[in-house]
Protein backbone atom coordinates (compact mmCIF):
# COMPACT_ATOMS: atom_id res chain seq x y z
CA MET A 1 -8.95 24.62 -3.16
CA SER A 2 -7.22 21.87 -1.22
CA ARG A 3 -4.68 19.94 -3.23
CA LEU A 4 -4.77 16.14 -3.46
CA ALA A 5 -1.88 13.79 -2.70
CA LEU A 6 -2.44 10.03 -3.01
CA PHE A 7 0.07 7.43 -1.86
CA ASP A 8 0.58 3.75 -2.42
CA LEU A 9 0.92 1.73 0.80
CA ASP A 10 3.24 -1.31 0.50
CA GLY A 11 6.72 -0.36 -0.63
CA THR A 12 5.91 3.34 -0.37
CA LEU A 13 4.61 4.42 3.03
CA LEU A 14 5.67 1.17 4.70
CA ASP A 15 8.02 -1.74 4.05
CA ARG A 16 5.86 -4.84 3.68
CA ARG A 17 8.77 -6.87 2.33
CA ALA A 18 10.78 -6.42 5.52
CA ALA A 19 7.82 -7.34 7.73
CA LEU A 20 6.81 -10.44 5.76
CA PRO A 21 9.41 -12.92 7.12
CA THR A 22 8.68 -11.84 10.70
CA SER A 23 4.93 -12.29 10.33
CA VAL A 24 5.19 -15.63 8.52
CA ARG A 25 7.67 -16.95 11.08
CA ALA A 26 5.43 -15.90 13.96
CA LEU A 27 2.40 -17.60 12.40
CA CYS A 28 4.14 -20.86 11.56
CA ARG A 29 6.04 -21.24 14.80
CA GLY A 30 3.08 -20.18 16.88
CA LEU A 31 0.96 -22.91 15.32
CA GLY A 32 3.73 -25.51 15.36
CA TYR A 33 4.30 -25.69 11.59
CA GLY A 34 7.71 -26.79 10.32
CA PRO A 35 10.24 -24.99 8.10
CA GLU A 36 8.75 -26.47 4.93
CA ALA A 37 5.43 -24.77 5.58
CA GLU A 38 7.20 -21.53 6.48
CA THR A 39 9.20 -21.53 3.25
CA TRP A 40 6.09 -22.36 1.22
CA LEU A 41 4.11 -19.51 2.78
CA LEU A 42 6.90 -16.98 2.27
CA THR A 43 6.92 -17.82 -1.43
CA GLU A 44 3.14 -17.78 -1.66
CA LEU A 45 2.83 -14.35 -0.06
CA ALA A 46 5.86 -12.72 -1.69
CA ASP A 47 3.85 -10.46 -3.98
CA ARG A 48 0.32 -10.56 -2.61
CA ALA A 49 -1.57 -11.91 0.40
CA SER A 50 -5.20 -13.02 0.38
CA PRO A 51 -7.45 -15.50 2.18
CA GLU A 52 -7.14 -17.80 -0.83
CA SER A 53 -3.44 -18.24 -0.10
CA PHE A 54 -4.31 -19.84 3.24
CA ALA A 55 -6.90 -22.10 1.66
CA ARG A 56 -4.12 -23.39 -0.59
CA MET A 57 -1.76 -23.74 2.37
CA ARG A 58 -4.34 -25.68 4.37
CA GLU A 59 -4.80 -28.09 1.47
CA ALA A 60 -1.09 -28.42 0.71
CA PHE A 61 -0.16 -29.33 4.29
CA ASP A 62 -3.45 -30.91 5.45
CA LEU A 63 -3.79 -28.45 8.30
CA PRO A 64 -6.57 -28.69 10.90
CA GLU A 65 -7.08 -24.93 11.21
CA SER A 66 -9.56 -23.24 8.89
CA ALA A 67 -8.34 -20.93 6.14
CA ALA A 68 -10.30 -18.08 7.75
CA TYR A 69 -8.50 -18.63 11.05
CA LEU A 70 -5.08 -18.74 9.39
CA TRP A 71 -5.84 -15.54 7.50
CA ALA A 72 -6.93 -13.78 10.69
CA VAL A 73 -3.74 -14.84 12.47
CA TYR A 74 -1.64 -13.63 9.55
CA VAL A 75 -3.40 -10.25 9.48
CA ASP A 76 -2.69 -9.79 13.19
CA GLN A 77 0.96 -10.83 12.81
CA MET A 78 1.56 -8.57 9.82
CA ALA A 79 -0.05 -5.61 11.57
CA ALA A 80 2.25 -6.22 14.53
CA ALA A 81 5.38 -6.54 12.37
CA VAL A 82 4.99 -3.61 9.99
CA SER A 83 5.88 -0.03 10.85
CA CYS A 84 5.96 3.48 9.39
CA PRO A 85 8.86 5.76 10.36
CA PRO A 86 7.81 8.63 12.67
CA ALA A 87 9.34 11.12 10.21
CA VAL A 88 6.96 9.89 7.49
CA LEU A 89 3.95 10.19 9.80
CA ASP A 90 5.02 13.74 10.66
CA ALA A 91 5.46 14.59 6.97
CA LEU A 92 1.95 13.36 6.15
CA ALA A 93 0.57 15.51 8.94
CA GLU A 94 2.56 18.48 7.60
CA LEU A 95 0.98 18.01 4.17
CA ARG A 96 -2.48 18.26 5.70
CA ASP A 97 -1.46 21.25 7.80
CA ASN A 98 -0.44 22.93 4.53
CA GLY A 99 -3.82 22.50 2.90
CA TRP A 100 -3.45 19.12 1.21
CA ARG A 101 -6.01 16.33 1.20
CA VAL A 102 -4.02 13.14 1.72
CA GLY A 103 -5.16 9.65 0.76
CA VAL A 104 -4.01 6.10 0.17
CA ALA A 105 -4.80 4.16 -3.01
CA THR A 106 -3.62 0.57 -2.59
CA ASN A 107 -4.15 -2.84 -4.08
CA GLY A 108 -4.79 -5.66 -1.63
CA ALA A 109 -7.39 -7.27 0.59
CA SER A 110 -9.37 -4.68 2.54
CA GLY A 111 -8.93 -6.22 5.99
CA ILE A 112 -5.17 -6.49 5.98
CA GLN A 113 -4.51 -3.13 4.34
CA ARG A 114 -6.68 -1.34 6.87
CA ALA A 115 -5.10 -3.27 9.73
CA LYS A 116 -1.68 -2.02 8.58
CA LEU A 117 -2.95 1.54 8.28
CA ARG A 118 -4.28 1.45 11.85
CA ALA A 119 -1.29 -0.32 13.37
CA THR A 120 1.29 2.02 11.83
CA GLY A 121 -0.57 5.23 12.68
CA ILE A 122 -1.04 6.16 9.02
CA ALA A 123 -4.83 6.00 9.38
CA GLY A 124 -4.75 9.03 11.66
CA ARG A 125 -2.68 11.06 9.18
CA ILE A 126 -4.85 10.70 6.05
CA ASP A 127 -8.25 11.86 4.86
CA GLY A 128 -9.33 8.78 2.93
CA VAL A 129 -8.34 5.35 1.69
CA ALA A 130 -9.37 3.16 -1.25
CA VAL A 131 -8.37 -0.51 -1.26
CA SER A 132 -8.81 -2.68 -4.32
CA GLY A 133 -10.61 -5.25 -2.19
CA ASP A 134 -13.34 -2.66 -1.54
CA ILE A 135 -14.56 -2.72 -5.12
CA GLU A 136 -12.61 -5.55 -6.81
CA ILE A 137 -10.80 -3.04 -9.03
CA ARG A 138 -7.03 -2.89 -8.95
CA LYS A 139 -4.57 -0.19 -9.93
CA PRO A 140 -3.86 0.93 -12.60
CA ASP A 141 -7.64 1.04 -13.16
CA GLN A 142 -8.76 4.65 -12.93
CA GLY A 143 -11.69 3.62 -10.74
CA LEU A 144 -9.49 3.05 -7.70
CA PHE A 145 -7.89 6.49 -8.01
CA ALA A 146 -11.32 8.06 -8.41
CA LEU A 147 -12.57 6.30 -5.27
CA ALA A 148 -9.52 7.41 -3.28
CA ALA A 149 -10.01 11.00 -4.42
CA ALA A 150 -13.71 10.91 -3.55
CA ARG A 151 -12.96 9.56 -0.08
CA CYS A 152 -10.66 12.56 0.38
CA GLY A 153 -13.47 14.88 -0.69
CA ARG A 154 -11.88 15.60 -4.04
CA ASP A 155 -12.50 14.82 -7.72
CA LEU A 156 -9.95 13.56 -10.24
CA ALA A 157 -11.02 16.37 -12.55
CA ASP A 158 -9.36 18.79 -10.11
CA GLY A 159 -6.00 17.04 -10.59
CA GLY A 160 -3.51 16.00 -7.96
CA TRP A 161 -0.54 13.71 -7.35
CA MET A 162 0.13 10.00 -6.93
CA CYS A 163 3.28 8.66 -5.28
CA GLY A 164 4.24 5.00 -5.43
CA ASP A 165 6.94 2.44 -6.13
CA SER A 166 5.29 0.56 -9.00
CA PRO A 167 5.78 1.94 -12.53
CA GLY A 168 2.99 -0.20 -13.96
CA THR A 169 0.31 0.44 -11.36
CA ASP A 170 1.14 3.70 -9.61
CA VAL A 171 2.78 5.82 -12.31
CA LEU A 172 0.87 4.49 -15.32
CA GLY A 173 -2.34 4.54 -13.30
CA ALA A 174 -1.73 8.12 -12.22
CA HIS A 175 -1.18 9.28 -15.80
CA GLN A 176 -4.34 7.53 -16.98
CA ALA A 177 -6.28 9.14 -14.14
CA GLY A 178 -5.00 12.62 -14.99
CA LEU A 179 -2.72 12.86 -11.95
CA ARG A 180 0.90 13.92 -11.78
CA SER A 181 3.28 11.26 -10.47
CA ILE A 182 6.25 10.68 -8.22
CA TRP A 183 8.03 7.35 -8.59
CA LEU A 184 9.81 5.91 -5.57
CA ARG A 185 12.75 4.20 -7.24
CA GLY A 186 13.25 0.48 -6.67
CA ARG A 187 11.48 -1.72 -9.18
CA PRO A 188 12.78 -1.91 -12.78
CA TRP A 189 11.42 0.83 -15.03
CA PRO A 190 9.78 -0.39 -18.29
CA THR A 191 11.38 1.35 -21.24
CA GLU A 192 8.04 1.86 -22.97
CA LEU A 193 6.48 3.75 -20.06
CA THR A 194 6.29 7.54 -19.99
CA ASP A 195 8.53 9.00 -17.29
CA ALA A 196 7.12 10.03 -13.95
CA ASP A 197 7.03 13.74 -13.20
CA HIS A 198 9.60 13.16 -10.47
CA THR A 199 11.76 10.23 -9.36
CA VAL A 200 13.02 9.94 -5.78
CA ASP A 201 14.86 7.45 -3.59
CA ASP A 202 13.01 8.20 -0.35
CA ILE A 203 9.39 8.85 0.50
CA LEU A 204 10.38 11.94 2.49
CA ASP A 205 11.88 13.41 -0.69
CA ALA A 206 8.54 12.84 -2.43
CA ILE A 207 6.62 14.62 0.30
CA GLY A 208 9.17 17.44 0.21
CA ILE A 209 8.44 17.93 -3.49
CA LEU A 210 4.73 18.26 -2.73
CA LEU A 211 5.31 20.70 0.12
CA HIS A 212 7.27 22.97 -2.21
CA GLU A 213 4.96 22.55 -5.19
CA THR A 214 3.44 25.70 -6.68
CA PRO A 215 -0.28 25.23 -7.44
CA ARG A 216 -1.14 25.25 -11.12
């Protein structure tokens, strides 16, 4: 049976944090907004981006553009700014070549997460994706992992792996869903949380663990 490997998106397969200033700067300067609006938007989007953020921005700065238009511009700018290293794309393809079903389980708005998957080339290297905006359920809820597995043609009952950078959503969520876990080190680790099965500093190390894993 094909094995299942699920990955988080932001902070795991791609570096959203590095792309954020570029995308916000392009939006604000392209529309003629000043540095105050740019600073405000960077703070607003630091952890999460959604159309509601741009409704708040429009109200805060009395902007003539609609919130829907601002959101669409931001999605385009973020998709243009973000990237996935070619070595990671190759490693995902290698997983599939070795009999794995590969998926993405990510929190976020559906439109922007899928735009990033397409723009970076990740979409062509995976079997399925589940975004919290699809069903209004966020990790660590088991439902999102179940949806991601199903979209890869697998069932959580068959087991599998989850790799991500968030202890509270990726690792805890994986354990609750019956998956083994690989934590991509970066965020502080809560002392009360059960350890991940593996801890790595680089996503390629995580994929290497999977490629050398012996089926149970």
